Amino acid sequence: MSSSRLPGKILADIAGQPMLQRVFIRTSRAATVTETIFATTTDPSDDPVAEYCDFSGIPFIRGSLYDVLDRYYQAAKETKADVVVRVTADCPVIDPDLIDDTVNRLFEGESDFAANRLPPPFHRTYPIGLDVEICTFAALETAWKQATETFHREHVMPYLYEGVQLSAVSRQLEEGVSPRGFRIALLHHTTDFGDYRWTVDMPEDLELMRQVYSRFDGRDDFSWKEVLDLVHTEPGLMEINARVRHNTLKDIDKRALKKE
């Protein structure tokens, strides 16, 4: 709720439901996901999130405001997860099929971490807002024990893939081993849509998502490819948030540096 760029965004209304609910429903539709749990904070500003989850029957835990890695670890430990899928609550068109593709890649390659995007210098090919990161519980626990940098703790999983050199296996897959010994897999789309922005950080982003959902009559069962068709049919939609700058991996909430 205390987002620095758009406070309260995860409970913002999108076609009659809060964004948090939209993300929960779409994530839970992934065939490989057995439980979806919100990792919110103990900060009083997040009391409405906890109250909404409690009222709606959505599983949740509460933890550190800035140490998001610890929140993920505590949620994974509580649910006895073998594999952890990271989806952020500001991505209301997250796609269950993409989650399944990434989970299956993790298993097929016996990887420690798999994703459909990594930060620069790597190149993303899926739209911003479809980001999926997955790791084994063992890898998450190692990061939780050993990661010390602020951006490691805030962005959850960079400790695993930081510094990795990837080699192309195919047009849709790169693999490599990070300097810390984690086996990494990066999925790509055959056509590059990496400049498309479907996440919610600013009011313009929220307006775009409201427009997208309105085109689907408030339903939440549309696929990311249907959104793609929509924005190609109505290119003016993408102009709504075209001027918003995307945060990078090294961008951290400056309030975290003052927490102690």
C-alpha atoms as a PDB file:
ATOM      1  CA  MET A   1       0.000   0.000   0.000  1.00  0.00           C
ATOM      2  CA  SER A   2       2.956   2.346   0.612  1.00  0.00           C
ATOM      3  CA  SER A   3       4.221   2.145  -2.970  1.00  0.00           C
ATOM      4  CA  SER A   4       6.474   5.149  -3.537  1.00  0.00           C
ATOM      5  CA  ARG A   5       5.112   5.896  -7.019  1.00  0.00           C
ATOM      6  CA  LEU A   6       1.428   4.986  -6.673  1.00  0.00           C
ATOM      7  CA  PRO A   7       0.349   4.551  -3.032  1.00  0.00           C
ATOM      8  CA  GLY A   8      -2.550   2.160  -2.528  1.00  0.00           C
ATOM      9  CA  LYS A   9      -2.247   0.692  -6.000  1.00  0.00           C
ATOM     10  CA  ILE A  10      -2.767  -2.972  -5.117  1.00  0.00           C
ATOM     11  CA  LEU A  11      -6.289  -2.249  -3.862  1.00  0.00           C
ATOM     12  CA  ALA A  12      -7.069   0.084  -6.754  1.00  0.00           C
ATOM     13  CA  ASP A  13     -10.262  -0.839  -8.572  1.00  0.00           C
ATOM     14  CA  ILE A  14     -10.006  -2.474 -11.989  1.00  0.00           C
ATOM     15  CA  ALA A  15     -13.417  -3.158 -13.521  1.00  0.00           C
ATOM     16  CA  GLY A  16     -15.065  -3.801 -10.165  1.00  0.00           C
ATOM     17  CA  GLN A  17     -12.353  -5.747  -8.357  1.00  0.00           C
ATOM     18  CA  PRO A  18      -9.144  -4.632  -6.646  1.00  0.00           C
ATOM     19  CA  MET A  19      -5.939  -5.306  -8.542  1.00  0.00           C
ATOM     20  CA  LEU A  20      -4.844  -7.696  -5.808  1.00  0.00           C
ATOM     21  CA  GLN A  21      -7.876  -9.906  -6.538  1.00  0.00           C
ATOM     22  CA  ARG A  22      -7.184  -9.832 -10.271  1.00  0.00           C
ATOM     23  CA  VAL A  23      -3.612 -11.014  -9.724  1.00  0.00           C
ATOM     24  CA  PHE A  24      -4.719 -13.709  -7.277  1.00  0.00           C
ATOM     25  CA  ILE A  25      -7.323 -15.165  -9.648  1.00  0.00           C
ATOM     26  CA  ARG A  26      -5.075 -15.193 -12.697  1.00  0.00           C
ATOM     27  CA  THR A  27      -2.085 -16.639 -10.853  1.00  0.00           C
ATOM     28  CA  SER A  28      -4.210 -19.339  -9.246  1.00  0.00           C
ATOM     29  CA  ARG A  29      -5.364 -20.500 -12.683  1.00  0.00           C
ATOM     30  CA  ALA A  30      -1.891 -21.814 -13.513  1.00  0.00           C
ATOM     31  CA  ALA A  31      -2.042 -25.611 -13.594  1.00  0.00           C
ATOM     32  CA  THR A  32       1.346 -25.926 -11.895  1.00  0.00           C
ATOM     33  CA  VAL A  33       0.420 -23.676  -8.956  1.00  0.00           C
ATOM     34  CA  THR A  34      -0.995 -25.533  -5.958  1.00  0.00           C
ATOM     35  CA  GLU A  35      -1.301 -22.528  -3.638  1.00  0.00           C
ATOM     36  CA  THR A  36      -1.235 -18.766  -4.075  1.00  0.00           C
ATOM     37  CA  ILE A  37      -0.288 -16.719  -1.030  1.00  0.00           C
ATOM     38  CA  PHE A  38       0.186 -12.967  -0.588  1.00  0.00           C
ATOM     39  CA  ALA A  39       3.345 -11.900   1.211  1.00  0.00           C
ATOM     40  CA  THR A  40       2.355  -8.486   2.560  1.00  0.00           C
ATOM     41  CA  THR A  41       3.906  -6.461   5.373  1.00  0.00           C
ATOM     42  CA  THR A  42       3.416  -5.759   9.053  1.00  0.00           C
ATOM     43  CA  ASP A  43       3.387  -2.033   8.353  1.00  0.00           C
ATOM     44  CA  PRO A  44       0.086  -0.442   9.495  1.00  0.00           C
ATOM     45  CA  SER A  45      -0.424   0.895   5.974  1.00  0.00           C
ATOM     46  CA  ASP A  46      -0.950  -2.707   4.859  1.00  0.00           C
ATOM     47  CA  ASP A  47      -3.700  -3.445   7.370  1.00  0.00           C
ATOM     48  CA  PRO A  48      -6.311  -2.959   4.588  1.00  0.00           C
ATOM     49  CA  VAL A  49      -4.513  -5.605   2.496  1.00  0.00           C
ATOM     50  CA  ALA A  50      -4.590  -8.096   5.350  1.00  0.00           C
ATOM     51  CA  GLU A  51      -8.232  -7.271   6.053  1.00  0.00           C
ATOM     52  CA  TYR A  52      -9.190  -7.731   2.410  1.00  0.00           C
ATOM     53  CA  CYS A  53      -7.349 -11.056   2.164  1.00  0.00           C
ATOM     54  CA  ASP A  54      -8.914 -12.271   5.410  1.00  0.00           C
ATOM     55  CA  PHE A  55     -12.402 -11.260   4.278  1.00  0.00           C
ATOM     56  CA  SER A  56     -11.941 -12.811   0.819  1.00  0.00           C
ATOM     57  CA  GLY A  57     -10.341 -16.059   1.984  1.00  0.00           C
ATOM     58  CA  ILE A  58      -7.020 -15.310   0.302  1.00  0.00           C
ATOM     59  CA  PRO A  59      -4.034 -16.873   2.127  1.00  0.00           C
ATOM     60  CA  PHE A  60      -1.478 -14.314   3.297  1.00  0.00           C
ATOM     61  CA  ILE A  61       1.432 -13.744   5.630  1.00  0.00           C
ATOM     62  CA  ARG A  62       2.855 -10.491   6.970  1.00  0.00           C
ATOM     63  CA  GLY A  63       6.519  -9.628   7.261  1.00  0.00           C
ATOM     64  CA  SER A  64       9.198  -6.986   6.761  1.00  0.00           C
ATOM     65  CA  LEU A  65       8.285  -3.916   4.726  1.00  0.00           C
ATOM     66  CA  TYR A  66      11.614  -3.711   2.899  1.00  0.00           C
ATOM     67  CA  ASP A  67      13.117  -7.210   3.226  1.00  0.00           C
ATOM     68  CA  VAL A  68      10.900  -8.810   0.592  1.00  0.00           C
ATOM     69  CA  LEU A  69      13.233 -11.811   0.344  1.00  0.00           C
ATOM     70  CA  ASP A  70      12.460 -12.615   3.972  1.00  0.00           C
ATOM     71  CA  ARG A  71       8.731 -12.336   3.289  1.00  0.00           C
ATOM     72  CA  TYR A  72       9.022 -14.794   0.407  1.00  0.00           C
ATOM     73  CA  TYR A  73      11.097 -17.175   2.478  1.00  0.00           C
ATOM     74  CA  GLN A  74       8.643 -17.119   5.394  1.00  0.00           C
ATOM     75  CA  ALA A  75       5.682 -17.689   3.035  1.00  0.00           C
ATOM     76  CA  ALA A  76       7.463 -20.579   1.319  1.00  0.00           C
ATOM     77  CA  LYS A  77       8.436 -22.148   4.641  1.00  0.00           C
ATOM     78  CA  GLU A  78       4.914 -21.827   6.016  1.00  0.00           C
ATOM     79  CA  THR A  79       3.385 -23.532   2.968  1.00  0.00           C
ATOM     80  CA  LYS A  80       6.152 -26.166   2.763  1.00  0.00           C
ATOM     81  CA  ALA A  81       6.743 -25.220  -0.874  1.00  0.00           C
ATOM     82  CA  ASP A  82       9.240 -27.188  -2.939  1.00  0.00           C
ATOM     83  CA  VAL A  83       9.189 -24.587  -5.703  1.00  0.00           C
ATOM     84  CA  VAL A  84       8.413 -20.883  -5.338  1.00  0.00           C
ATOM     85  CA  VAL A  85       6.825 -18.741  -8.066  1.00  0.00           C
ATOM     86  CA  ARG A  86       7.343 -15.006  -7.724  1.00  0.00           C
ATOM     87  CA  VAL A  87       4.612 -12.790  -9.165  1.00  0.00           C
ATOM     88  CA  THR A  88       4.249  -9.162  -8.125  1.00  0.00           C
ATOM     89  CA  ALA A  89       0.838  -7.804  -7.123  1.00  0.00           C
ATOM     90  CA  ASP A  90       0.984  -4.945  -9.628  1.00  0.00           C
ATOM     91  CA  CYS A  91       0.697  -7.174 -12.715  1.00  0.00           C
ATOM     92  CA  PRO A  92      -3.059  -7.601 -13.335  1.00  0.00           C
ATOM     93  CA  VAL A  93      -2.689  -9.361 -16.696  1.00  0.00           C
ATOM     94  CA  ILE A  94      -0.203 -11.967 -15.468  1.00  0.00           C
ATOM     95  CA  ASP A  95      -0.728 -15.055 -17.603  1.00  0.00           C
ATOM     96  CA  PRO A  96      -1.225 -18.547 -16.096  1.00  0.00           C
ATOM     97  CA  ASP A  97       0.090 -20.275 -19.225  1.00  0.00           C
ATOM     98  CA  LEU A  98       3.351 -18.328 -18.992  1.00  0.00           C
ATOM     99  CA  ILE A  99       3.641 -19.356 -15.347  1.00  0.00           C
ATOM    100  CA  ASP A 100       3.196 -22.988 -16.385  1.00  0.00           C
ATOM    101  CA  ASP A 101       5.752 -22.667 -19.190  1.00  0.00           C
ATOM    102  CA  THR A 102       8.344 -21.290 -16.784  1.00  0.00           C
ATOM    103  CA  VAL A 103       7.666 -23.855 -14.052  1.00  0.00           C
ATOM    104  CA  ASN A 104       7.890 -26.693 -16.559  1.00  0.00           C
ATOM    105  CA  ARG A 105      11.181 -25.314 -17.868  1.00  0.00           C
ATOM    106  CA  LEU A 106      12.583 -25.324 -14.340  1.00  0.00           C
ATOM    107  CA  PHE A 107      11.723 -29.015 -13.952  1.00  0.00           C
ATOM    108  CA  GLU A 108      12.768 -30.077 -17.447  1.00  0.00           C
ATOM    109  CA  GLY A 109      16.168 -28.417 -17.155  1.00  0.00           C
ATOM    110  CA  GLU A 110      16.654 -29.342 -13.495  1.00  0.00           C
ATOM    111  CA  SER A 111      17.345 -25.662 -12.929  1.00  0.00           C
ATOM    112  CA  ASP A 112      17.573 -23.796  -9.637  1.00  0.00           C
ATOM    113  CA  PHE A 113      15.999 -20.657 -11.121  1.00  0.00           C
ATOM    114  CA  ALA A 114      13.926 -19.964 -14.232  1.00  0.00           C
ATOM    115  CA  ALA A 115      12.365 -16.761 -15.522  1.00  0.00           C
ATOM    116  CA  ASN A 116      10.848 -15.202 -18.608  1.00  0.00           C
ATOM    117  CA  ARG A 117      12.849 -12.021 -18.101  1.00  0.00           C
ATOM    118  CA  LEU A 118      16.063 -10.870 -16.453  1.00  0.00           C
ATOM    119  CA  PRO A 119      17.199  -7.259 -15.943  1.00  0.00           C
ATOM    120  CA  PRO A 120      19.830  -5.583 -18.174  1.00  0.00           C
ATOM    121  CA  PRO A 121      22.261  -6.474 -19.630  1.00  0.00           C
ATOM    122  CA  PHE A 122      19.844  -9.249 -20.582  1.00  0.00           C
ATOM    123  CA  HIS A 123      17.148  -8.472 -23.117  1.00  0.00           C
ATOM    124  CA  ARG A 124      13.479  -9.044 -22.312  1.00  0.00           C
ATOM    125  CA  THR A 125      11.092 -10.256 -25.020  1.00  0.00           C
ATOM    126  CA  TYR A 126       7.834 -10.544 -23.038  1.00  0.00           C
ATOM    127  CA  PRO A 127       5.876  -7.388 -22.118  1.00  0.00           C
ATOM    128  CA  ILE A 128       6.651  -5.748 -18.774  1.00  0.00           C
ATOM    129  CA  GLY A 129       3.945  -7.025 -16.454  1.00  0.00           C
ATOM    130  CA  LEU A 130       4.142 -10.694 -17.459  1.00  0.00           C
ATOM    131  CA  ASP A 131       7.247 -11.305 -15.360  1.00  0.00           C
ATOM    132  CA  VAL A 132       7.556 -14.737 -13.771  1.00  0.00           C
ATOM    133  CA  GLU A 133      10.476 -15.821 -11.603  1.00  0.00           C
ATOM    134  CA  ILE A 134      10.713 -19.332 -10.170  1.00  0.00           C
ATOM    135  CA  CYS A 135      13.221 -21.044  -7.936  1.00  0.00           C
ATOM    136  CA  THR A 136      13.540 -24.114  -5.789  1.00  0.00           C
ATOM    137  CA  PHE A 137      13.013 -23.701  -2.077  1.00  0.00           C
ATOM    138  CA  ALA A 138      16.633 -24.783  -1.517  1.00  0.00           C
ATOM    139  CA  ALA A 139      17.884 -21.942  -3.712  1.00  0.00           C
ATOM    140  CA  LEU A 140      15.590 -19.427  -2.012  1.00  0.00           C
ATOM    141  CA  GLU A 141      16.791 -20.539   1.401  1.00  0.00           C
ATOM    142  CA  THR A 142      20.415 -20.105   0.346  1.00  0.00           C
ATOM    143  CA  ALA A 143      19.696 -16.576  -0.878  1.00  0.00           C
ATOM    144  CA  TRP A 144      17.796 -15.810   2.339  1.00  0.00           C
ATOM    145  CA  LYS A 145      20.781 -16.921   4.435  1.00  0.00           C
ATOM    146  CA  GLN A 146      23.549 -15.318   2.392  1.00  0.00           C
ATOM    147  CA  ALA A 147      22.236 -12.240   0.524  1.00  0.00           C
ATOM    148  CA  THR A 148      23.313  -8.976   2.158  1.00  0.00           C
ATOM    149  CA  GLU A 149      22.867  -6.248  -0.481  1.00  0.00           C
ATOM    150  CA  THR A 150      19.758  -4.091  -0.110  1.00  0.00           C
ATOM    151  CA  PHE A 151      18.658  -4.750  -3.696  1.00  0.00           C
ATOM    152  CA  HIS A 152      19.078  -8.502  -3.129  1.00  0.00           C
ATOM    153  CA  ARG A 153      16.644  -8.323  -0.231  1.00  0.00           C
ATOM    154  CA  GLU A 154      14.151  -5.973  -1.938  1.00  0.00           C
ATOM    155  CA  HIS A 155      14.044  -7.694  -5.340  1.00  0.00           C
ATOM    156  CA  VAL A 156      14.019 -11.234  -3.855  1.00  0.00           C
ATOM    157  CA  MET A 157      15.930 -13.365  -6.363  1.00  0.00           C
ATOM    158  CA  PRO A 158      18.864 -11.437  -7.961  1.00  0.00           C
ATOM    159  CA  TYR A 159      21.310 -13.189  -5.613  1.00  0.00           C
ATOM    160  CA  LEU A 160      20.634 -16.369  -7.604  1.00  0.00           C
ATOM    161  CA  TYR A 161      21.233 -15.087 -11.135  1.00  0.00           C
ATOM    162  CA  GLU A 162      23.580 -12.136 -10.587  1.00  0.00           C
ATOM    163  CA  GLY A 163      26.599 -12.292 -12.912  1.00  0.00           C
ATOM    164  CA  VAL A 164      25.411 -15.312 -14.876  1.00  0.00           C
ATOM    165  CA  GLN A 165      26.628 -15.824 -18.454  1.00  0.00           C
ATOM    166  CA  LEU A 166      23.917 -17.406 -20.591  1.00  0.00           C
ATOM    167  CA  SER A 167      24.227 -19.404 -23.797  1.00  0.00           C
ATOM    168  CA  ALA A 168      21.466 -19.863 -26.362  1.00  0.00           C
ATOM    169  CA  VAL A 169      19.943 -23.332 -26.426  1.00  0.00           C
ATOM    170  CA  SER A 170      17.263 -22.253 -28.910  1.00  0.00           C
ATOM    171  CA  ARG A 171      15.480 -19.068 -29.979  1.00  0.00           C
ATOM    172  CA  GLN A 172      13.283 -19.448 -26.912  1.00  0.00           C
ATOM    173  CA  LEU A 173      15.774 -20.559 -24.275  1.00  0.00           C
ATOM    174  CA  GLU A 174      19.100 -19.517 -22.756  1.00  0.00           C
ATOM    175  CA  GLU A 175      20.846 -21.375 -19.947  1.00  0.00           C
ATOM    176  CA  GLY A 176      23.899 -20.965 -17.766  1.00  0.00           C
ATOM    177  CA  VAL A 177      25.403 -21.355 -14.304  1.00  0.00           C
ATOM    178  CA  SER A 178      25.756 -18.279 -12.094  1.00  0.00           C
ATOM    179  CA  PRO A 179      29.019 -17.441 -10.290  1.00  0.00           C
ATOM    180  CA  ARG A 180      27.375 -18.726  -7.097  1.00  0.00           C
ATOM    181  CA  GLY A 181      26.658 -22.074  -8.731  1.00  0.00           C
ATOM    182  CA  PHE A 182      22.931 -21.778  -9.470  1.00  0.00           C
ATOM    183  CA  ARG A 183      21.622 -23.272 -12.715  1.00  0.00           C
ATOM    184  CA  ILE A 184      19.684 -20.554 -14.547  1.00  0.00           C
ATOM    185  CA  ALA A 185      17.142 -20.758 -17.399  1.00  0.00           C
ATOM    186  CA  LEU A 186      15.781 -17.733 -19.281  1.00  0.00           C
ATOM    187  CA  LEU A 187      12.763 -18.098 -21.568  1.00  0.00           C
ATOM    188  CA  HIS A 188      12.163 -15.849 -24.571  1.00  0.00           C
ATOM    189  CA  HIS A 189       9.298 -15.168 -26.932  1.00  0.00           C
ATOM    190  CA  THR A 190      10.093 -15.600 -30.604  1.00  0.00           C
ATOM    191  CA  THR A 191       8.852 -12.061 -31.357  1.00  0.00           C
ATOM    192  CA  ASP A 192      10.213  -9.213 -29.247  1.00  0.00           C
ATOM    193  CA  PHE A 193       7.505  -7.397 -27.266  1.00  0.00           C
ATOM    194  CA  GLY A 194       9.838  -6.324 -24.465  1.00  0.00           C
ATOM    195  CA  ASP A 195       8.996  -2.625 -24.800  1.00  0.00           C
ATOM    196  CA  TYR A 196       5.294  -3.153 -24.113  1.00  0.00           C
ATOM    197  CA  ARG A 197       4.319  -2.007 -20.618  1.00  0.00           C
ATOM    198  CA  TRP A 198       1.466  -3.826 -18.842  1.00  0.00           C
ATOM    199  CA  THR A 199       2.381  -3.325 -15.189  1.00  0.00           C
ATOM    200  CA  VAL A 200       1.040  -0.731 -12.729  1.00  0.00           C
ATOM    201  CA  ASP A 201       3.482   1.744 -11.184  1.00  0.00           C
ATOM    202  CA  MET A 202       1.893   5.037 -12.159  1.00  0.00           C
ATOM    203  CA  PRO A 203      -1.626   6.441 -12.690  1.00  0.00           C
ATOM    204  CA  GLU A 204      -1.168   6.103 -16.451  1.00  0.00           C
ATOM    205  CA  ASP A 205      -0.447   2.386 -16.050  1.00  0.00           C
ATOM    206  CA  LEU A 206      -3.579   1.920 -13.974  1.00  0.00           C
ATOM    207  CA  GLU A 207      -5.661   3.685 -16.591  1.00  0.00           C
ATOM    208  CA  LEU A 208      -4.324   1.377 -19.305  1.00  0.00           C
ATOM    209  CA  MET A 209      -5.213  -1.719 -17.281  1.00  0.00           C
ATOM    210  CA  ARG A 210      -8.699  -0.358 -16.631  1.00  0.00           C
ATOM    211  CA  GLN A 211      -9.137   0.186 -20.351  1.00  0.00           C
ATOM    212  CA  VAL A 212      -7.899  -3.340 -21.119  1.00  0.00           C
ATOM    213  CA  TYR A 213     -10.306  -4.940 -18.655  1.00  0.00           C
ATOM    214  CA  SER A 214     -13.173  -2.833 -19.956  1.00  0.00           C
ATOM    215  CA  ARG A 215     -12.531  -4.212 -23.444  1.00  0.00           C
ATOM    216  CA  PHE A 216     -13.027  -7.711 -22.003  1.00  0.00           C
ATOM    217  CA  ASP A 217     -16.197  -6.673 -20.127  1.00  0.00           C
ATOM    218  CA  GLY A 218     -14.483  -7.065 -16.744  1.00  0.00           C
ATOM    219  CA  ARG A 219     -13.639 -10.749 -17.293  1.00  0.00           C
ATOM    220  CA  ASP A 220     -10.287 -12.036 -16.083  1.00  0.00           C
ATOM    221  CA  ASP A 221      -9.926 -15.175 -18.203  1.00  0.00           C
ATOM    222  CA  PHE A 222      -8.346 -13.533 -21.252  1.00  0.00           C
ATOM    223  CA  SER A 223      -4.806 -14.475 -22.271  1.00  0.00           C
ATOM    224  CA  TRP A 224      -1.805 -12.235 -22.764  1.00  0.00           C
ATOM    225  CA  LYS A 225      -2.031 -12.913 -26.496  1.00  0.00           C
ATOM    226  CA  GLU A 226      -5.568 -11.526 -26.498  1.00  0.00           C
ATOM    227  CA  VAL A 227      -4.196  -8.369 -24.859  1.00  0.00           C
ATOM    228  CA  LEU A 228      -1.553  -8.305 -27.572  1.00  0.00           C
ATOM    229  CA  ASP A 229      -4.226  -8.496 -30.259  1.00  0.00           C
ATOM    230  CA  LEU A 230      -6.155  -5.746 -28.490  1.00  0.00           C
ATOM    231  CA  VAL A 231      -3.288  -3.244 -28.343  1.00  0.00           C
ATOM    232  CA  HIS A 232      -2.396  -3.973 -31.963  1.00  0.00           C
ATOM    233  CA  THR A 233      -6.011  -3.357 -32.951  1.00  0.00           C
ATOM    234  CA  GLU A 234      -6.164  -0.205 -30.800  1.00  0.00           C
ATOM    235  CA  PRO A 235      -2.599   1.169 -30.792  1.00  0.00           C
ATOM    236  CA  GLY A 236      -3.796   4.296 -29.002  1.00  0.00           C
ATOM    237  CA  LEU A 237      -4.087   2.255 -25.802  1.00  0.00           C
ATOM    238  CA  MET A 238      -0.320   1.909 -25.554  1.00  0.00           C
ATOM    239  CA  GLU A 239       0.034   5.690 -25.746  1.00  0.00           C
ATOM    240  CA  ILE A 240      -1.683   6.017 -22.344  1.00  0.00           C
ATOM    241  CA  ASN A 241       1.472   5.013 -20.425  1.00  0.00           C
ATOM    242  CA  ALA A 242       4.106   5.397 -23.146  1.00  0.00           C
ATOM    243  CA  ARG A 243       6.061   8.008 -21.156  1.00  0.00           C
ATOM    244  CA  VAL A 244       6.388   6.032 -17.930  1.00  0.00           C
ATOM    245  CA  ARG A 245       9.933   4.991 -17.022  1.00  0.00           C
ATOM    246  CA  HIS A 246      10.393   1.431 -15.846  1.00  0.00           C
ATOM    247  CA  ASN A 247      12.300   0.758 -12.625  1.00  0.00           C
ATOM    248  CA  THR A 248      15.566  -1.165 -12.926  1.00  0.00           C
ATOM    249  CA  LEU A 249      17.054  -3.888 -10.743  1.00  0.00           C
ATOM    250  CA  LYS A 250      19.301  -1.443  -8.900  1.00  0.00           C
ATOM    251  CA  ASP A 251      16.409   0.920  -8.132  1.00  0.00           C
ATOM    252  CA  ILE A 252      15.524   0.460  -4.487  1.00  0.00           C
ATOM    253  CA  ASP A 253      13.106   2.187  -2.191  1.00  0.00           C
ATOM    254  CA  LYS A 254      15.323   4.833  -0.555  1.00  0.00           C
ATOM    255  CA  ARG A 255      13.254   4.488   2.634  1.00  0.00           C
ATOM    256  CA  ALA A 256      14.829   1.047   3.093  1.00  0.00           C
ATOM    257  CA  LEU A 257      18.213   2.674   3.708  1.00  0.00           C
ATOM    258  CA  LYS A 258      16.783   4.538   6.721  1.00  0.00           C
ATOM    259  CA  LYS A 259      14.949   1.642   8.305  1.00  0.00           C
ATOM    260  CA  GLU A 260      17.534   0.810  10.959  1.00  0.00           C
END
